[in-house]
Amino acid sequence: MKRKLIIAAIVAFAVGLVGYFGFQWYLSTHKAESEVVKLETKEPAIKDKTESGVTINSINELSGTYTSESTEKVSSEILFKIGGATATQGTFKKFEVSFEISDSMKNLNVVIDPASIYTAESMRDEHLRGDEFFNVKKFSNITFNSSNIVKGDTSYLAKGSIEFMGLKSDLTVPFTYEGQSSEDDQVEIFQGKFDFDRIKYGMQEASGAENKVTVSFYTALRKK
């Protein structure tokens, strides 16, 4: 009898182990991939040098209000990656970007609908919308508003505040100006990448998920 119990325990452990690693494999193979169609760009005439001497395309030749738009092809994207046992890669399907540029003012504004999260696995998406993560029933938007844009070591830095999980905190977002679309002179291209500590900005700890989130974005903005 004791022998049968031991064998049953070993079998149950093995089945559980296979199930666990099978689930991890499933999650790792079901993730949102980048869908953005990157545009060919013209080389800007004006260049800037950063603090470290790196040459970047200048935004000083731009003037007006530039906004993201919905098109048949994905022309703007926010992609995030979270490491850990339950590593996740996903996007937000609904967001708006606005960039106002003049001689005296440069303001970058972003509004994200967290309920539009997409990771290519519907059960995981629902879990991420829940209380442990984005809690979309309570917090319907993530917003970023810049107060100043300066040159950093290798890119521009949009310094401002983010409202995330109901908290307002300082955040610096690095970005580069890639140039004007070679197909449409009313469209300007920007992209960037940064790390974001989700716990520092108000999200709960979660088993199997790292605190650091890597965020990358690409956006084609049309002049209004």
Protein backbone atom coordinates (compact mmCIF):
# COMPACT_ATOMS: atom_id res chain seq x y z
CA MET A 1 0.00 0.00 0.00
CA LYS A 2 2.80 2.38 0.96
CA ARG A 3 4.59 1.55 -2.29
CA LYS A 4 1.45 2.41 -4.30
CA LEU A 5 1.12 5.75 -2.51
CA ILE A 6 4.74 6.62 -3.29
CA ILE A 7 4.29 5.69 -6.96
CA ALA A 8 1.08 7.74 -7.13
CA ALA A 9 2.86 10.72 -5.57
CA ILE A 10 5.72 10.44 -8.07
CA VAL A 11 3.30 10.20 -10.98
CA ALA A 12 1.32 13.22 -9.72
CA PHE A 13 4.54 15.21 -9.34
CA ALA A 14 5.67 14.27 -12.85
CA VAL A 15 2.30 15.20 -14.35
CA GLY A 16 2.34 18.52 -12.49
CA LEU A 17 5.89 19.22 -13.68
CA VAL A 18 5.00 18.45 -17.28
CA GLY A 19 1.90 20.62 -16.97
CA TYR A 20 3.87 23.53 -15.53
CA PHE A 21 6.56 23.48 -18.19
CA GLY A 22 3.93 22.89 -20.85
CA PHE A 23 2.10 26.00 -19.68
CA GLN A 24 5.31 28.03 -19.66
CA TRP A 25 6.07 26.84 -23.19
CA TYR A 26 2.56 27.82 -24.27
CA LEU A 27 2.95 31.32 -22.80
CA SER A 28 6.39 31.77 -24.36
CA THR A 29 5.10 30.85 -27.81
CA HIS A 30 1.95 32.97 -27.53
CA LYS A 31 3.08 36.57 -27.45
CA ALA A 32 2.26 39.68 -29.41
CA GLU A 33 4.77 40.42 -32.14
CA SER A 34 5.45 43.84 -33.62
CA GLU A 35 3.01 44.65 -36.41
CA VAL A 36 4.14 48.18 -37.19
CA VAL A 37 5.02 48.97 -40.80
CA LYS A 38 8.05 51.25 -40.61
CA LEU A 39 8.17 53.98 -43.25
CA GLU A 40 11.09 55.09 -45.37
CA THR A 41 12.26 58.54 -44.28
CA LYS A 42 14.00 61.55 -45.77
CA GLU A 43 17.25 62.67 -44.19
CA PRO A 44 16.63 65.89 -42.20
CA ALA A 45 18.75 68.88 -43.19
CA ILE A 46 19.38 69.99 -39.61
CA LYS A 47 21.36 67.94 -37.06
CA ASP A 48 21.90 68.34 -33.32
CA LYS A 49 24.78 67.20 -31.15
CA THR A 50 23.95 65.58 -27.81
CA GLU A 51 25.88 66.02 -24.56
CA SER A 52 28.15 63.12 -25.50
CA GLY A 53 28.78 64.43 -29.01
CA VAL A 54 26.45 62.00 -30.78
CA THR A 55 24.77 63.54 -33.84
CA ILE A 56 20.98 63.16 -34.02
CA ASN A 57 18.28 64.45 -36.35
CA SER A 58 17.02 67.83 -35.13
CA ILE A 59 13.39 68.51 -34.25
CA ASN A 60 14.04 72.25 -34.50
CA GLU A 61 13.00 72.32 -38.16
CA LEU A 62 9.50 71.09 -37.21
CA SER A 63 6.60 73.38 -36.33
CA GLY A 64 2.95 72.68 -35.55
CA THR A 65 0.90 69.91 -33.94
CA TYR A 66 1.55 66.31 -34.95
CA THR A 67 -0.78 63.47 -33.97
CA SER A 68 -1.00 59.71 -34.37
CA GLU A 69 -3.76 58.33 -36.57
CA SER A 70 -5.51 55.05 -37.32
CA THR A 71 -4.61 53.66 -40.73
CA GLU A 72 -5.08 50.37 -42.52
CA LYS A 73 -1.45 49.53 -41.82
CA VAL A 74 -0.15 49.80 -38.25
CA SER A 75 1.84 53.05 -38.33
CA SER A 76 2.27 53.55 -34.57
CA GLU A 77 2.93 51.02 -31.85
CA ILE A 78 3.74 50.72 -28.15
CA LEU A 79 5.37 47.36 -27.37
CA PHE A 80 6.26 46.10 -23.87
CA LYS A 81 8.26 43.13 -22.57
CA ILE A 82 8.25 41.69 -19.03
CA GLY A 83 10.71 38.97 -18.04
CA GLY A 84 10.42 36.23 -15.44
CA ALA A 85 8.80 32.81 -15.23
CA THR A 86 5.65 34.23 -16.84
CA ALA A 87 7.48 36.36 -19.41
CA THR A 88 5.10 38.48 -21.45
CA GLN A 89 5.32 40.54 -24.61
CA GLY A 90 2.40 42.68 -25.66
CA THR A 91 1.02 45.89 -27.10
CA PHE A 92 -1.80 48.36 -26.55
CA LYS A 93 -4.23 48.56 -29.44
CA LYS A 94 -5.65 51.96 -28.44
CA PHE A 95 -3.50 55.01 -27.70
CA GLU A 96 -3.04 58.58 -28.89
CA VAL A 97 0.16 60.58 -29.32
CA SER A 98 0.30 64.36 -29.77
CA PHE A 99 3.47 66.41 -30.25
CA GLU A 100 3.22 70.23 -30.26
CA ILE A 101 6.32 72.03 -31.53
CA SER A 102 7.08 75.72 -31.82
CA ASP A 103 10.03 78.04 -31.16
CA SER A 104 8.90 78.55 -27.57
CA MET A 105 7.22 75.23 -26.75
CA LYS A 106 7.72 71.51 -27.27
CA ASN A 107 5.11 69.25 -25.61
CA LEU A 108 4.73 65.49 -26.01
CA ASN A 109 1.46 63.96 -24.78
CA VAL A 110 0.47 60.28 -24.75
CA VAL A 111 -2.82 58.68 -23.66
CA ILE A 112 -3.07 54.86 -23.47
CA ASP A 113 -6.17 52.74 -22.93
CA PRO A 114 -4.88 49.83 -20.78
CA ALA A 115 -8.05 47.80 -21.49
CA SER A 116 -6.79 47.51 -25.07
CA ILE A 117 -3.84 45.35 -23.95
CA TYR A 118 -3.01 42.50 -26.36
CA THR A 119 -0.54 39.67 -25.72
CA ALA A 120 -1.92 37.10 -28.23
CA GLU A 121 -3.48 35.07 -25.40
CA SER A 122 -6.99 36.13 -24.34
CA MET A 123 -6.94 34.57 -20.84
CA ARG A 124 -3.67 36.35 -20.07
CA ASP A 125 -5.08 39.62 -21.41
CA GLU A 126 -8.06 39.35 -19.05
CA HIS A 127 -5.73 38.58 -16.15
CA LEU A 128 -3.59 41.64 -16.96
CA ARG A 129 -6.72 43.82 -17.01
CA GLY A 130 -7.53 42.66 -13.47
CA ASP A 131 -6.79 44.05 -10.00
CA GLU A 132 -3.30 42.53 -9.74
CA PHE A 133 -2.04 44.40 -12.79
CA PHE A 134 -3.70 47.28 -14.71
CA ASN A 135 -7.02 47.23 -12.80
CA VAL A 136 -8.78 48.80 -15.80
CA LYS A 137 -12.14 49.07 -14.03
CA LYS A 138 -10.60 51.60 -11.66
CA PHE A 139 -7.93 53.18 -13.86
CA SER A 140 -9.15 53.77 -17.40
CA ASN A 141 -6.14 55.67 -18.79
CA ILE A 142 -2.36 55.88 -18.62
CA THR A 143 -1.18 59.39 -19.51
CA PHE A 144 2.19 61.04 -20.04
CA ASN A 145 2.66 64.80 -20.41
CA SER A 146 6.06 66.36 -20.95
CA SER A 147 7.07 69.62 -19.31
CA ASN A 148 10.46 69.94 -21.00
CA ILE A 149 12.36 68.36 -23.90
CA VAL A 150 16.16 68.40 -23.81
CA LYS A 151 19.08 66.69 -25.50
CA GLY A 152 20.56 63.72 -23.62
CA ASP A 153 23.62 61.56 -24.31
CA THR A 154 22.27 59.83 -27.41
CA SER A 155 18.74 61.14 -27.98
CA TYR A 156 16.16 63.70 -26.98
CA LEU A 157 14.63 63.35 -23.51
CA ALA A 158 10.99 64.18 -22.86
CA LYS A 159 10.85 65.03 -19.15
CA GLY A 160 7.42 65.12 -17.60
CA SER A 161 4.87 63.26 -15.51
CA ILE A 162 3.04 59.99 -15.91
CA GLU A 163 -0.31 59.14 -14.37
CA PHE A 164 -0.27 55.38 -13.81
CA MET A 165 -2.48 53.36 -11.46
CA GLY A 166 -3.90 56.63 -10.12
CA LEU A 167 -0.49 58.02 -9.13
CA LYS A 168 1.36 60.94 -10.72
CA SER A 169 5.12 60.51 -10.91
CA ASP A 170 8.08 62.01 -12.77
CA LEU A 171 9.21 60.12 -15.88
CA THR A 172 11.81 60.74 -18.57
CA VAL A 173 11.17 59.24 -22.01
CA PRO A 174 14.08 59.10 -24.51
CA PHE A 175 13.25 59.33 -28.20
CA THR A 176 14.79 60.04 -31.59
CA TYR A 177 13.42 61.84 -34.61
CA GLU A 178 13.85 59.53 -37.60
CA GLY A 179 12.81 62.04 -40.24
CA GLN A 180 9.96 62.85 -42.59
CA SER A 181 8.15 60.09 -44.47
CA SER A 182 9.50 59.84 -48.01
CA GLU A 183 5.94 59.15 -49.23
CA ASP A 184 4.09 61.90 -47.33
CA ASP A 185 5.62 65.23 -46.33
CA GLN A 186 2.96 65.72 -43.63
CA VAL A 187 4.14 62.69 -41.64
CA GLU A 188 7.10 62.68 -39.22
CA ILE A 189 8.58 59.56 -37.59
CA PHE A 190 9.72 59.14 -33.98
CA GLN A 191 10.80 56.14 -31.90
CA GLY A 192 12.30 55.30 -28.53
CA LYS A 193 12.94 52.67 -25.88
CA PHE A 194 13.19 52.75 -22.08
CA ASP A 195 12.88 50.62 -18.93
CA PHE A 196 9.96 51.14 -16.57
CA ASP A 197 9.74 49.86 -12.98
CA ARG A 198 6.05 48.97 -12.70
CA ILE A 199 6.18 48.57 -8.89
CA LYS A 200 7.79 51.97 -8.39
CA TYR A 201 4.94 53.54 -10.33
CA GLY A 202 2.12 51.87 -8.39
CA MET A 203 1.49 48.34 -9.70
CA GLN A 204 1.37 45.38 -7.30
CA GLU A 205 4.04 42.70 -7.00
CA ALA A 206 3.10 39.58 -8.97
CA SER A 207 4.53 36.07 -8.68
CA GLY A 208 6.57 35.04 -11.72
CA ALA A 209 6.71 38.51 -13.29
CA GLU A 210 9.73 40.79 -13.09
CA ASN A 211 9.30 44.36 -11.94
CA LYS A 212 11.20 45.84 -14.88
CA VAL A 213 9.23 46.43 -18.07
CA THR A 214 11.02 47.32 -21.32
CA VAL A 215 8.90 49.67 -23.40
CA SER A 216 9.62 50.45 -27.05
CA PHE A 217 7.59 52.65 -29.34
CA TYR A 218 7.43 53.77 -32.95
CA THR A 219 5.03 56.42 -34.15
CA ALA A 220 4.21 58.12 -37.42
CA LEU A 221 2.67 61.49 -36.58
CA ARG A 222 0.67 63.54 -39.09
CA LYS A 223 0.74 67.32 -39.05
CA LYS A 224 -2.71 68.77 -38.36
